[in-house]
């Protein structure tokens, strides 16, 4: 009985799928870091600064996500 050596390299069609998946994960990680950075900066604001900007703590999530509208 003879056993052939198998090629475990992904087929060319699948390489694009993995590259897109890797890119999507990298974007999600970058977005998460940016959200955290913005949210943490907003948490440093005191009441006077928030009043001057016309925002409150309830607005922080929308601001950090980039969906805030006045």
Protein backbone atom coordinates (compact mmCIF):
# COMPACT_ATOMS: atom_id res chain seq x y z
CA UNK A 1 0.00 0.00 0.00
CA UNK A 2 1.33 3.39 -1.02
CA UNK A 3 0.30 6.67 0.66
CA UNK A 4 0.74 9.87 -1.33
CA UNK A 5 1.96 13.04 0.37
CA UNK A 6 -0.93 15.42 0.77
CA UNK A 7 -0.68 19.11 0.03
CA UNK A 8 -2.24 21.02 2.93
CA UNK A 9 -1.75 24.47 1.38
CA UNK A 10 -5.05 26.31 1.00
CA UNK A 11 -6.51 26.43 -2.47
CA UNK A 12 -6.02 29.78 -4.26
CA UNK A 13 -9.73 30.60 -3.94
CA UNK A 14 -9.51 30.33 -0.15
CA UNK A 15 -6.51 32.61 0.20
CA UNK A 16 -8.69 35.62 -0.54
CA UNK A 17 -11.18 34.57 2.12
CA UNK A 18 -8.50 34.33 4.79
CA UNK A 19 -6.94 37.64 3.75
CA UNK A 20 -10.33 39.35 3.98
CA UNK A 21 -10.99 37.75 7.37
CA UNK A 22 -7.59 38.85 8.66
CA UNK A 23 -8.25 42.38 7.37
CA UNK A 24 -11.70 42.47 8.99
CA UNK A 25 -10.26 41.37 12.32
CA UNK A 26 -7.47 43.96 12.11
CA UNK A 27 -10.02 46.70 11.35
CA UNK A 28 -12.22 45.62 14.27
CA UNK A 29 -9.27 45.68 16.66
CA UNK A 30 -8.25 49.15 15.43
CA UNK A 31 -11.84 50.42 15.78
CA UNK A 32 -12.07 49.01 19.30
CA UNK A 33 -8.82 50.70 20.33
CA UNK A 34 -9.96 54.02 18.86
CA UNK A 35 -13.33 53.75 20.64
CA UNK A 36 -11.57 53.06 23.95
CA UNK A 37 -9.15 55.95 23.46
CA UNK A 38 -11.95 58.43 22.72
CA UNK A 39 -14.21 57.15 25.50
CA UNK A 40 -11.38 57.38 28.05
CA UNK A 41 -10.61 60.96 26.99
CA UNK A 42 -14.27 61.88 27.40
CA UNK A 43 -14.30 60.34 30.88
CA UNK A 44 -11.60 62.82 31.89
CA UNK A 45 -13.91 65.80 31.26
CA UNK A 46 -15.37 67.55 34.28
CA UNK A 47 -18.93 68.89 34.48
CA UNK A 48 -17.93 72.44 33.43
CA UNK A 49 -16.14 71.19 30.32
CA UNK A 50 -19.10 68.99 29.38
CA UNK A 51 -21.47 71.95 29.81
CA UNK A 52 -19.27 74.11 27.55
CA UNK A 53 -19.34 71.40 24.88
CA UNK A 54 -23.06 70.79 25.33
CA UNK A 55 -22.64 67.08 26.05
CA UNK A 56 -23.20 64.78 28.99
CA UNK A 57 -22.03 61.35 30.10
CA UNK A 58 -24.98 59.74 28.31
CA UNK A 59 -23.56 61.02 25.00
CA UNK A 60 -20.12 59.46 25.42
CA UNK A 61 -20.93 56.13 23.76
CA UNK A 62 -22.39 57.78 20.65
CA UNK A 63 -19.50 60.25 20.45
CA UNK A 64 -16.90 57.48 20.72
CA UNK A 65 -18.73 55.39 18.08
CA UNK A 66 -18.99 58.39 15.76
CA UNK A 67 -22.78 58.33 15.69
CA UNK A 68 -23.48 61.37 17.89
CA UNK A 69 -25.90 63.94 16.43
CA UNK A 70 -27.10 67.15 18.03
